[in-house]
Amino acid sequence: MQQRRFTRASNSQAHPGLPDAPKPRRSSAQVKADNAVRAAAKEEAAQQKATKIAKVAQIENEVRQKVKETDLEANRPKDKLSIPRSQRPRAPPVQDNATQAPTDRLGPAGGIPPADPDSETARVDELSDPDGSNVESDVDMDLENDAPDTAIKKAAGKKQKKGLIVRDQINAINFSAVMPEVSPPDEPTPGKRRAVDMKGAEPQTKRQKEAQPLPPSGLLANWREAAPFEPTFEATEVEDIEHQRAGLTRGGSVDEAQDEDASPAFQFGGIPSGDEEDVERKAAHQNIRFRSIAKIRQKKPGERYRHKDLPPETAERFSKLVLPMACDSVAALPPWESPTDEELADLWNLVFKDTHPVTVDLRAGSLFLVIKPLIKHGISQWLTKFAKAGVKALEAEYKRRGLATTAEQAELVASLLGDAEDIESKKRPFLWDSVYDDPNAEKSGLFQGRLVAHVFLEHLITVQSLPNQYRVQEPPIGALILAIQAVHRALLYSINGTFTAPARKGDREFSKQNWGDCKVESANGKIRTLKRSTVFLKRIKNLSDVQWADIKQAALNMQRGPPPQKAVTLDEEGSDGEPSADDDDELRDPRYDMPAVGAQALDGAE
């Protein structure tokens, strides 16, 4: 007969995780009362912790002041020379009368006369051993021969390190906040499995019970976010930094500054011990290279600096002075040339030399590495204005003429552009002012065409806020050529009556790669320069002051409306008279250039 299995009464609650296990519950009033008591206890614990932290800070401050006073006292010159105990000369051994007596009798009896104190031998002996420290008696020699081979061990006590008592005082302060038990604790349910209380918290392990709470620290948890952001720098030697600090902040000597706060223990808030003084002294004079953690982070690829990365007091003047000065400088250069790093640093120093001077410093985190991309970006935006102004100028010309259809617009573009296939062609009707009113009239007003003037106005607006002392005195030949190329680009992409730029971004950009001079292979296999940007450079360099004034006036007329026509004569100051031999008939302006026949007639009349 099979025996029936019975369950013992002691095992009825062996599985406390079952749903039918009893769960003690508290009333709502009891829960509210417990929460109120816990909140009050938590607030009191926070106040106690703040008080204890203040006490620890007071103890550490007192210790720092004491260490500082000790260092000053140790480094202060002594009134008399003191020799360490380990380096003092050894005293002569004491001899008894029994040993001394035969020696005294041996002198006169043995025939060895005593040494004359005034003799040369006595003086030599006195100089070589003035205190008798090198004299070794017979007694000492006998003791050394009879000494056993065992070494006598000296019972030395444990050396008490400096600062240990202070650290014990700090550790004695209990920072663990004890929360009172406001309700009876939940008893863990017994069973074969690991006991879990009703709150769901597992009991602490042995390692967790033996672990001590960490001492308070002055390092903030969010120190990365709270650190001030400044440009990083490659630090020099620690000793050099201390010399600079001593000369700049206090104006005293280097020794005085190092006596006060040059010790590493004082700088980093530590409490030195006697065994580590030599190590700290050697480390302070080593060539240490470090990088500050409270500095501006390095930009990721694709990110760029913004004006907020500059010193706050320089951002406004940088936008109003430095960037327009950079554009004005580039405008005086040949087309598509960029300023050098030295020129960029000079532009910045013209405005901020007294407050934030810079040099061409390419080390990581320098201020120059923030200034350089910002100026480059400002110049890039200045070039973008030319490209956009060329398209807007063409649209304004459509509107002025009342051209609504694509065919009419394409006809106008073809008449203004000239030869669309030859990019080096000098036959560009849009350069002349007279063409816009009567296409069949004689060409006059070179580089004063409405489209060119409309684009050149963007440069004049950019630099109009600059004071005279910050402006470049050379004529803006680069800006005028860029304006011509921007109009050429707008007409070339609108050859069908509608502006259609290339689909690829790199091909439609108004950049040096697409519109600057380049090397090409000719039909006979030779390499030559394709003058995409310098085709008008010689003619523009030979413009007179009067022509430059009229070109600028034509650009300003696009903003204020055309003023009355100004009569120009050949006797005005700044006129070049006969055109340059480098120019051809395509770019001769009858308003300013004297014909060759007329010039010869005047020479004959003289």
Foldseek 3Di string as FASTA:
>chain_A
DDDDDDDDPVCPCQDCVDPPRDDDDDDPVLVVVQVVLQVVLVVVLVVVLVVLVVVLVVLLVVLLVVVLVVLLVVPDDDPDDDDDPVPDQDAADDDDPVVVVVVVVCCVVVPPDDDDCPDPVNVVVCVVPVRCSPDDDPVNVVCVVPDDPDDDDDDDDDDDWPPPVSVVVQVVDDSDRDGDDSDDDFDFDDHPDQTAGPVRDHDDDPVVVPDDDDGDDPDDPPCLVVFAAAFKDKDWFLLVVLQVCCCPPPNDHSVVSCSRQVFPCNVVSHGDIPVCPVVSVVVNPDTDIDIDSRYHDDDDPPDAADLVNADPVCSVVCQLQLLLLLLLVQLLDAAQDHDDLQVSQVSVCVVQVPPDRDDPDPDGRDPSVNSVVVSVVSNLVLLVLLLVQLQVLLVVLCVVVVPDDLVVLLVVLCLQQDDLPQLLDPQGNQQFCVCSPPVPDDGALGNLGSSLLSSLLSSCVSNVSYDPVSGDPHQRLNSSLSNVVSNNLQSSCSNRSDRDADPDPVQRDSHCVNQNKDWDADPVGDIDIRHRRCSCVVVSVPDWPVSSVVSNVSSVCVVVPDDPDDQADAPDPRQPEADDPVDDPSRDHPRGHDDPVVVVVVVVVD
